[in-house]
Amino acid sequence: MPRILPILIALFATHTVTFAETTQPVPAKNAITLTSPVTRIVYQRNHANKANIVISGQCPANATKIEAMIVARDKGGISTKWTSLKSAPVQGAFSGTLTATGGWYDLKVRALEGQSIVAETKLERVGVGEVFVIIGHSVAQGGGDTNEFAKDDRVSIVPLEEESPDFAEYKKTADANLLPGLIFAHYGEKMKPAPFGHGTYFWARFGDFVAQKQNVPVLIFNAAFGGTSLEHWSKSSQGIQFEHGFVRAPIRMPYINLYNTLKKYIPVTGIRALLADQGQNDAGQQDASIVLKYYEQSVKQARDDFGYPELAVVVNRQTPGIPKNPSKQIREAQERMVKTPFCFPGPDYDKLAPEDRPDGIHLGPLGEIKAARMWADALDATFYKTSRPWQPGDVKK
């Protein structure tokens, strides 16, 4: 293990789409080097609670067979026996899959020459569970480390270094190659989720609640952008310019964050749904039908760009400005969006107490904790049964 992590970091620092694009490293004699999976990755499970773990890498050139097994950690999962990968290694290169039930695992891989083991390795923390991408404005993006980090070891992110030169350049160019590669971490203290998230916020606790309710690991991406509206998301999805004080329309912000996530990360991990907190910054638009059109257009573009028209979207509801100046047309647009194909009802923030949303939109500290649980509760049995997750290997339409 000590030799594997530095190699993986180097391999995936600029990785943009799939493990297969990496250059195969040359392993030391009598050693196995894994290029896939990497520690803390979570593969999206299907309705049968299963996913394929992609296993690839290099082994000694004399190996004639690769076997793998998974060992469930202390919180769920079903261990397997040693299983041979279907394809034999070729000049030390191997690739295959191992089907796993929802859970949190350690992966063991060994190379054999005939019946003799010539090399073996172990990779800790590989998951089959739930993968979500957050979209929206500041209530979705967060304002920093305003709440506790995830306590459950099974909650993962791709960590974002907001102060790095690469991210500073990303905000100017939206070049996905400047985003972190396929390196995963626990959603721990002061951690920020790629591609654009702020701190632990309440999403870390949301991950805790989902992991505990479903007894599977959770992977969270945050593509939200504070200060944006559905009009901005719609126009940027179409490449239409608009004026904004700090959002760069020429590089298709804010939509480009979602686009980059769907192109860079999700082809490897799979996805359950987009979690959308949208509409509150459209309160100046009095026509609910126009707000709905913006919502539908941005979601349709995401589905088209990803090539999966059944991509699920969970729609948050709230009435901006309550109780004094309610924008009821926003709530109407959100409710109408829920009724469109492959959309599902998210939390109802109007059920929060007034002190939970001090300005009628943004969440206070207690409101954030309530929101974390409300989001997890909104993902109920009906949602998991009827939403249609996408897994690597599924045929896009």
Protein backbone atom coordinates (compact mmCIF):
# COMPACT_ATOMS: atom_id res chain seq x y z
CA MET A 1 0.00 0.00 0.00
CA PRO A 2 2.66 2.67 0.78
CA ARG A 3 3.88 2.52 -2.83
CA ILE A 4 0.44 2.61 -4.45
CA LEU A 5 -0.88 5.95 -3.22
CA PRO A 6 1.89 8.17 -4.66
CA ILE A 7 1.55 6.41 -7.99
CA LEU A 8 -2.21 6.93 -8.01
CA ILE A 9 -1.85 10.61 -7.14
CA ALA A 10 0.49 11.12 -10.05
CA LEU A 11 -1.74 9.16 -12.39
CA PHE A 12 -4.98 10.96 -11.67
CA ALA A 13 -3.83 14.51 -11.04
CA THR A 14 -4.89 15.58 -14.53
CA HIS A 15 -7.24 12.72 -15.36
CA THR A 16 -10.44 13.85 -17.04
CA VAL A 17 -12.66 10.97 -18.09
CA THR A 18 -11.85 7.29 -17.46
CA PHE A 19 -9.28 5.09 -15.83
CA ALA A 20 -8.54 3.47 -19.19
CA GLU A 21 -6.90 6.64 -20.47
CA THR A 22 -4.06 6.44 -17.97
CA THR A 23 -0.59 5.22 -18.88
CA GLN A 24 0.01 1.81 -17.38
CA PRO A 25 2.83 2.02 -14.81
CA VAL A 26 5.60 -0.55 -14.67
CA PRO A 27 5.30 -2.47 -11.38
CA ALA A 28 8.20 -3.60 -9.31
CA LYS A 29 9.11 -7.26 -9.54
CA ASN A 30 6.59 -9.46 -7.72
CA ALA A 31 4.20 -6.55 -7.21
CA ILE A 32 0.76 -5.46 -8.36
CA THR A 33 0.01 -1.83 -9.17
CA LEU A 34 -3.68 -0.88 -9.34
CA THR A 35 -4.88 1.90 -11.62
CA SER A 36 -8.53 1.17 -10.76
CA PRO A 37 -10.20 1.37 -8.39
CA VAL A 38 -8.80 4.06 -6.13
CA THR A 39 -9.42 4.36 -2.42
CA ARG A 40 -12.74 5.87 -1.32
CA ILE A 41 -14.34 5.77 -4.74
CA VAL A 42 -18.08 5.00 -4.66
CA TYR A 43 -19.78 3.26 -7.58
CA GLN A 44 -23.48 3.95 -8.06
CA ARG A 45 -25.59 0.90 -7.28
CA ASN A 46 -28.56 -0.24 -9.38
CA HIS A 47 -32.06 -1.27 -8.30
CA ALA A 48 -30.70 -4.69 -7.40
CA ASN A 49 -28.26 -3.01 -4.98
CA LYS A 50 -25.26 -4.01 -7.10
CA ALA A 51 -22.48 -2.44 -9.15
CA ASN A 52 -19.38 -3.55 -10.99
CA ILE A 53 -16.04 -2.56 -9.48
CA VAL A 54 -13.58 -1.88 -12.29
CA ILE A 55 -10.23 -3.57 -11.56
CA SER A 56 -7.20 -2.79 -13.70
CA GLY A 57 -3.46 -2.38 -13.37
CA GLN A 58 -0.10 -4.07 -13.86
CA CYS A 59 1.28 -7.30 -12.46
CA PRO A 60 4.40 -9.45 -12.98
CA ALA A 61 4.79 -10.43 -16.63
CA ASN A 62 4.79 -14.14 -15.82
CA ALA A 63 1.30 -14.00 -14.23
CA THR A 64 -1.32 -16.11 -16.04
CA LYS A 65 -4.39 -15.24 -13.97
CA ILE A 66 -5.72 -12.41 -11.78
CA GLU A 67 -8.08 -13.07 -8.90
CA ALA A 68 -9.93 -10.51 -6.77
CA MET A 69 -12.17 -10.50 -3.73
CA ILE A 70 -13.85 -7.90 -1.56
CA VAL A 71 -14.04 -7.97 2.21
CA ALA A 72 -16.86 -6.04 3.85
CA ARG A 73 -15.77 -3.50 6.42
CA ASP A 74 -17.66 -3.02 9.68
CA LYS A 75 -20.77 -1.39 8.18
CA GLY A 76 -22.59 -3.62 5.75
CA GLY A 77 -21.74 -5.22 2.45
CA ILE A 78 -21.32 -8.86 1.44
CA SER A 79 -17.82 -10.29 1.15
CA THR A 80 -16.94 -12.47 -1.82
CA LYS A 81 -14.59 -15.39 -2.38
CA TRP A 82 -11.62 -15.19 -4.70
CA THR A 83 -12.93 -14.67 -8.22
CA SER A 84 -10.91 -14.83 -11.45
CA LEU A 85 -11.13 -11.86 -13.79
CA LYS A 86 -12.49 -13.01 -17.13
CA SER A 87 -9.49 -11.83 -19.13
CA ALA A 88 -6.02 -13.15 -18.44
CA PRO A 89 -3.22 -10.58 -18.05
CA VAL A 90 -1.35 -9.66 -21.22
CA GLN A 91 2.32 -8.77 -20.73
CA GLY A 92 1.52 -7.79 -17.17
CA ALA A 93 -1.52 -5.64 -17.94
CA PHE A 94 -4.91 -6.73 -16.61
CA SER A 95 -8.47 -5.44 -16.55
CA GLY A 96 -11.83 -6.76 -15.45
CA THR A 97 -14.78 -6.27 -13.13
CA LEU A 98 -16.07 -7.71 -9.90
CA THR A 99 -19.77 -7.45 -9.05
CA ALA A 100 -20.44 -6.18 -5.54
CA THR A 101 -23.49 -5.59 -3.38
CA GLY A 102 -24.04 -2.17 -1.81
CA GLY A 103 -21.46 -1.70 0.93
CA TRP A 104 -18.02 -0.49 2.02
CA TYR A 105 -15.15 -2.82 1.21
CA ASP A 106 -11.48 -3.60 1.19
CA LEU A 107 -10.37 -5.02 -2.16
CA LYS A 108 -7.77 -7.78 -2.43
CA VAL A 109 -6.11 -8.65 -5.73
CA ARG A 110 -3.59 -11.39 -6.43
CA ALA A 111 -1.68 -12.56 -9.49
CA LEU A 112 -1.03 -16.24 -10.12
CA GLU A 113 1.26 -18.21 -12.38
CA GLY A 114 -0.59 -21.48 -12.67
CA GLN A 115 -1.57 -22.24 -9.08
CA SER A 116 1.22 -20.22 -7.48
CA ILE A 117 0.67 -16.71 -6.13
CA VAL A 118 3.32 -14.38 -7.53
CA ALA A 119 2.02 -11.04 -6.22
CA GLU A 120 -0.84 -9.60 -4.19
CA THR A 121 -2.10 -6.27 -2.91
CA LYS A 122 -4.91 -4.73 -0.87
CA LEU A 123 -6.83 -1.48 -1.33
CA GLU A 124 -8.92 -0.16 1.54
CA ARG A 125 -12.30 1.58 1.28
CA VAL A 126 -14.02 0.92 -2.02
CA GLY A 127 -17.74 1.60 -2.08
CA VAL A 128 -20.95 0.62 -3.83
CA GLY A 129 -23.69 3.05 -2.90
CA GLU A 130 -25.15 6.42 -3.85
CA VAL A 131 -23.69 9.26 -5.94
CA PHE A 132 -25.23 12.76 -6.02
CA VAL A 133 -24.46 16.06 -7.76
CA ILE A 134 -25.69 19.28 -6.13
CA ILE A 135 -26.77 22.22 -8.32
CA GLY A 136 -28.23 25.62 -7.50
CA HIS A 137 -27.28 28.91 -5.88
CA SER A 138 -25.80 29.88 -2.51
CA VAL A 139 -28.25 27.80 -0.46
CA ALA A 140 -26.88 24.79 -2.35
CA GLN A 141 -23.23 25.82 -2.66
CA GLY A 142 -22.80 26.76 0.98
CA GLY A 143 -20.93 29.44 2.82
CA GLY A 144 -18.07 27.52 4.38
CA ASP A 145 -17.57 25.26 7.38
CA THR A 146 -20.80 26.29 9.05
CA ASN A 147 -21.67 22.82 10.28
CA GLU A 148 -19.94 19.66 11.37
CA PHE A 149 -18.10 17.39 8.97
CA ALA A 150 -19.33 13.90 8.17
CA LYS A 151 -18.97 11.54 11.09
CA ASP A 152 -19.58 8.44 8.97
CA ASP A 153 -16.42 7.13 7.32
CA ARG A 154 -18.45 6.18 4.23
CA VAL A 155 -19.12 9.75 3.03
CA SER A 156 -16.71 10.72 0.24
CA ILE A 157 -15.93 13.69 -2.00
CA VAL A 158 -13.32 14.70 -4.54
CA PRO A 159 -11.58 17.37 -2.43
CA LEU A 160 -11.29 20.87 -3.88
CA GLU A 161 -8.36 23.19 -3.08
CA GLU A 162 -10.04 26.58 -3.42
CA GLU A 163 -6.80 28.47 -2.79
CA SER A 164 -4.80 26.59 -5.40
CA PRO A 165 -3.49 28.27 -8.59
CA ASP A 166 -5.27 25.64 -10.65
CA PHE A 167 -8.65 26.51 -9.17
CA ALA A 168 -8.02 30.23 -9.57
CA GLU A 169 -7.38 29.57 -13.26
CA TYR A 170 -10.42 27.29 -13.47
CA LYS A 171 -12.67 30.13 -12.35
CA LYS A 172 -11.34 32.15 -15.30
CA THR A 173 -11.42 29.43 -17.94
CA ALA A 174 -13.71 26.57 -16.79
CA ASP A 175 -11.07 24.17 -18.11
CA ALA A 176 -12.00 20.79 -16.59
CA ASN A 177 -8.35 19.70 -16.68
CA LEU A 178 -7.72 22.21 -13.88
CA LEU A 179 -10.19 20.49 -11.56
CA PRO A 180 -8.97 17.76 -9.20
CA GLY A 181 -8.52 14.32 -10.70
CA LEU A 182 -10.06 11.08 -9.51
CA ILE A 183 -8.69 11.29 -5.99
CA PHE A 184 -11.28 10.78 -3.25
CA ALA A 185 -11.33 11.73 0.41
CA HIS A 186 -13.57 11.58 3.45
CA TYR A 187 -15.93 14.58 3.68
CA GLY A 188 -13.99 15.67 6.75
CA GLU A 189 -13.30 18.87 8.60
CA LYS A 190 -12.85 21.91 6.34
CA MET A 191 -13.10 19.75 3.22
CA LYS A 192 -14.66 21.24 0.09
CA PRO A 193 -16.35 19.09 -2.56
CA ALA A 194 -15.38 19.48 -6.21
CA PRO A 195 -16.09 21.06 -8.54
CA PHE A 196 -17.32 24.25 -6.78
CA GLY A 197 -18.54 23.54 -3.26
CA HIS A 198 -17.91 25.62 -0.15
CA GLY A 199 -16.85 23.72 2.96
CA THR A 200 -18.71 21.06 4.89
CA TYR A 201 -21.89 23.20 5.06
CA PHE A 202 -24.87 20.89 5.69
CA TRP A 203 -24.13 18.45 2.89
CA ALA A 204 -21.59 16.54 4.96
CA ARG A 205 -24.30 15.76 7.51
CA PHE A 206 -26.71 14.96 4.69
CA GLY A 207 -24.19 12.33 3.61
CA ASP A 208 -24.17 10.93 7.13
CA PHE A 209 -27.94 10.62 7.18
CA VAL A 210 -28.11 8.89 3.78
CA ALA A 211 -25.27 6.49 4.62
CA GLN A 212 -26.96 5.55 7.89
CA LYS A 213 -30.45 5.19 6.41
CA GLN A 214 -29.37 3.20 3.36
CA ASN A 215 -26.37 1.47 4.96
CA VAL A 216 -24.17 2.22 1.93
CA PRO A 217 -21.39 4.73 1.19
CA VAL A 218 -22.22 8.10 -0.37
CA LEU A 219 -20.28 10.26 -2.83
CA ILE A 220 -21.15 13.96 -3.16
CA PHE A 221 -20.21 16.49 -5.85
CA ASN A 222 -21.21 20.14 -5.52
CA ALA A 223 -21.60 22.09 -8.78
CA ALA A 224 -23.68 24.96 -7.34
CA PHE A 225 -22.74 28.64 -7.71
CA GLY A 226 -23.88 31.28 -5.21
CA GLY A 227 -25.62 34.33 -6.60
CA THR A 228 -27.04 32.61 -9.65
CA SER A 229 -30.61 32.19 -10.85
CA LEU A 230 -32.43 29.72 -13.05
CA GLU A 231 -32.23 32.33 -15.79
CA HIS A 232 -28.43 32.21 -15.50
CA TRP A 233 -28.39 28.40 -15.51
CA SER A 234 -30.67 28.26 -18.52
CA LYS A 235 -28.82 30.86 -20.56
CA SER A 236 -25.37 29.48 -19.72
CA SER A 237 -26.52 25.98 -20.67
CA GLN A 238 -27.32 27.39 -24.13
CA GLY A 239 -24.23 29.57 -24.40
CA ILE A 240 -26.33 32.75 -24.22
CA GLN A 241 -24.59 35.75 -22.69
CA PHE A 242 -25.91 37.70 -19.69
CA GLU A 243 -24.68 40.46 -17.41
CA HIS A 244 -23.54 39.58 -13.89
CA GLY A 245 -21.24 41.17 -11.36
CA PHE A 246 -19.04 38.10 -10.78
CA VAL A 247 -20.37 35.17 -12.84
CA ARG A 248 -18.48 34.71 -16.12
CA ALA A 249 -21.10 34.07 -18.77
CA PRO A 250 -18.54 33.81 -21.62
CA ILE A 251 -17.19 30.56 -20.12
CA ARG A 252 -20.75 29.28 -19.52
CA MET A 253 -20.76 29.70 -15.77
CA PRO A 254 -22.67 28.51 -13.78
CA TYR A 255 -23.84 25.59 -15.95
CA ILE A 256 -20.32 24.60 -16.95
CA ASN A 257 -19.70 23.29 -13.41
CA LEU A 258 -22.42 20.69 -13.90
CA TYR A 259 -21.26 19.93 -17.42
CA ASN A 260 -17.69 19.32 -16.25
CA THR A 261 -18.89 17.05 -13.44
CA LEU A 262 -20.99 14.97 -15.82
CA LYS A 263 -18.09 14.65 -18.25
CA LYS A 264 -15.12 14.29 -15.88
CA TYR A 265 -16.30 12.28 -12.89
CA ILE A 266 -19.68 10.67 -13.44
CA PRO A 267 -18.64 8.40 -16.36
CA VAL A 268 -16.41 6.61 -13.83
CA THR A 269 -18.63 6.61 -10.72
CA GLY A 270 -22.17 6.63 -12.08
CA ILE A 271 -24.93 8.76 -10.58
CA ARG A 272 -28.26 8.53 -8.81
CA ALA A 273 -29.55 12.08 -9.18
CA LEU A 274 -29.02 15.81 -9.32
CA LEU A 275 -30.07 17.55 -6.11
CA ALA A 276 -31.42 20.94 -7.20
CA ASP A 277 -31.99 23.99 -5.01
CA GLN A 278 -33.04 26.50 -7.66
CA GLY A 279 -35.38 29.43 -8.18
CA GLN A 280 -35.04 31.67 -5.16
CA ASN A 281 -32.94 34.22 -7.05
CA ASP A 282 -35.60 34.39 -9.76
CA ALA A 283 -38.08 36.08 -7.41
CA GLY A 284 -38.06 39.20 -9.58
CA GLN A 285 -39.64 37.22 -12.40
CA GLN A 286 -43.40 37.29 -11.80
CA ASP A 287 -44.36 34.69 -14.42
CA ALA A 288 -44.09 31.14 -13.06
CA SER A 289 -44.17 29.74 -16.59
CA ILE A 290 -40.99 31.61 -17.51
CA VAL A 291 -39.24 30.37 -14.36
CA LEU A 292 -40.36 26.82 -15.21
CA LYS A 293 -39.06 27.20 -18.78
CA TYR A 294 -35.63 28.17 -17.43
CA TYR A 295 -35.66 25.17 -15.10
CA GLU A 296 -36.70 22.72 -17.80
CA GLN A 297 -34.19 24.05 -20.32
CA SER A 298 -31.17 23.74 -18.06
CA VAL A 299 -32.14 20.23 -16.95
CA LYS A 300 -32.83 19.09 -20.50
CA GLN A 301 -29.43 20.39 -21.59
CA ALA A 302 -27.72 18.47 -18.78
CA ARG A 303 -29.53 15.29 -19.78
CA ASP A 304 -28.63 15.87 -23.44
CA ASP A 305 -24.99 16.62 -22.66
CA PHE A 306 -24.69 13.50 -20.52
CA GLY A 307 -26.65 11.44 -23.02
CA TYR A 308 -29.12 10.10 -20.48
CA PRO A 309 -32.67 11.51 -20.72
CA GLU A 310 -33.75 9.68 -17.57
CA LEU A 311 -31.26 11.44 -15.30
CA ALA A 312 -33.17 12.05 -12.07
CA VAL A 313 -33.54 15.52 -10.55
CA VAL A 314 -34.71 16.12 -6.97
CA VAL A 315 -36.38 19.54 -6.79
CA ASN A 316 -36.30 21.57 -3.60
CA ARG A 317 -39.34 23.75 -2.83
CA GLN A 318 -39.54 27.02 -0.96
CA THR A 319 -41.29 30.34 -1.18
CA PRO A 320 -38.73 33.18 -1.14
CA GLY A 321 -39.48 36.14 1.10
CA ILE A 322 -41.93 34.51 3.47
CA PRO A 323 -43.71 35.57 5.55
CA LYS A 324 -43.65 39.29 4.62
CA ASN A 325 -43.07 39.33 0.85
CA PRO A 326 -43.71 35.83 -0.48
CA SER A 327 -42.85 35.07 -4.11
CA LYS A 328 -45.51 32.44 -4.67
CA GLN A 329 -44.73 32.15 -8.38
CA ILE A 330 -41.37 30.55 -7.53
CA ARG A 331 -43.04 27.88 -5.43
CA GLU A 332 -45.50 27.31 -8.26
CA ALA A 333 -42.70 26.82 -10.78
CA GLN A 334 -40.91 24.39 -8.47
CA GLU A 335 -44.08 22.35 -7.93
CA ARG A 336 -44.68 22.20 -11.66
CA MET A 337 -41.08 21.10 -12.21
CA VAL A 338 -41.58 18.21 -9.77
CA LYS A 339 -44.34 16.91 -12.05
CA THR A 340 -42.12 16.77 -15.14
CA PRO A 341 -40.61 13.40 -16.18
CA PHE A 342 -37.87 11.95 -13.99
CA CYS A 343 -38.15 14.73 -11.39
CA PHE A 344 -38.89 14.10 -7.73
CA PRO A 345 -39.99 16.25 -4.75
CA GLY A 346 -37.17 17.39 -2.50
CA PRO A 347 -37.47 19.12 0.87
CA ASP A 348 -40.13 21.72 1.57
CA TYR A 349 -38.23 24.60 3.17
CA ASP A 350 -41.51 26.41 3.90
CA LYS A 351 -41.90 23.96 6.77
CA LEU A 352 -38.83 25.44 8.46
CA ALA A 353 -39.31 27.91 11.30
CA PRO A 354 -38.81 31.61 10.50
CA GLU A 355 -35.58 31.68 12.51
CA ASP A 356 -34.23 28.86 10.32
CA ARG A 357 -34.27 31.22 7.31
CA PRO A 358 -33.46 34.64 8.77
CA ASP A 359 -33.67 36.48 5.42
CA GLY A 360 -36.44 34.33 4.00
CA ILE A 361 -34.03 32.46 1.70
CA HIS A 362 -30.71 31.49 3.30
CA LEU A 363 -30.43 28.95 6.08
CA GLY A 364 -29.30 29.77 9.59
CA PRO A 365 -27.17 27.27 11.59
CA LEU A 366 -30.19 25.37 12.95
CA GLY A 367 -31.88 25.54 9.56
CA GLU A 368 -28.87 23.89 7.98
CA ILE A 369 -29.04 20.87 10.26
CA LYS A 370 -32.76 20.58 9.61
CA ALA A 371 -32.15 20.89 5.88
CA ALA A 372 -29.60 18.06 5.94
CA ARG A 373 -32.16 15.73 7.45
CA MET A 374 -34.97 17.01 5.22
CA TRP A 375 -32.94 16.25 2.09
CA ALA A 376 -32.13 12.75 3.32
CA ASP A 377 -35.77 12.13 4.26
CA ALA A 378 -36.97 13.37 0.85
CA LEU A 379 -34.96 10.53 -0.70
CA ASP A 380 -37.50 7.98 0.45
CA ALA A 381 -38.29 4.42 -0.59
CA THR A 382 -40.37 5.62 -3.54
CA PHE A 383 -37.47 7.71 -4.82
CA TYR A 384 -34.97 4.85 -4.63
CA LYS A 385 -37.43 2.47 -6.27
CA THR A 386 -38.55 4.70 -9.14
CA SER A 387 -35.53 6.90 -9.97
CA ARG A 388 -33.27 5.41 -12.64
CA PRO A 389 -29.60 5.55 -11.69
CA TRP A 390 -26.93 5.48 -14.38
CA GLN A 391 -23.96 3.14 -14.00
CA PRO A 392 -20.71 2.95 -15.95
CA GLY A 393 -21.30 0.52 -18.77
CA ASP A 394 -24.96 1.50 -19.22
CA VAL A 395 -25.83 2.40 -22.80
CA LYS A 396 -26.58 6.10 -23.11
CA LYS A 397 -29.50 7.08 -25.31
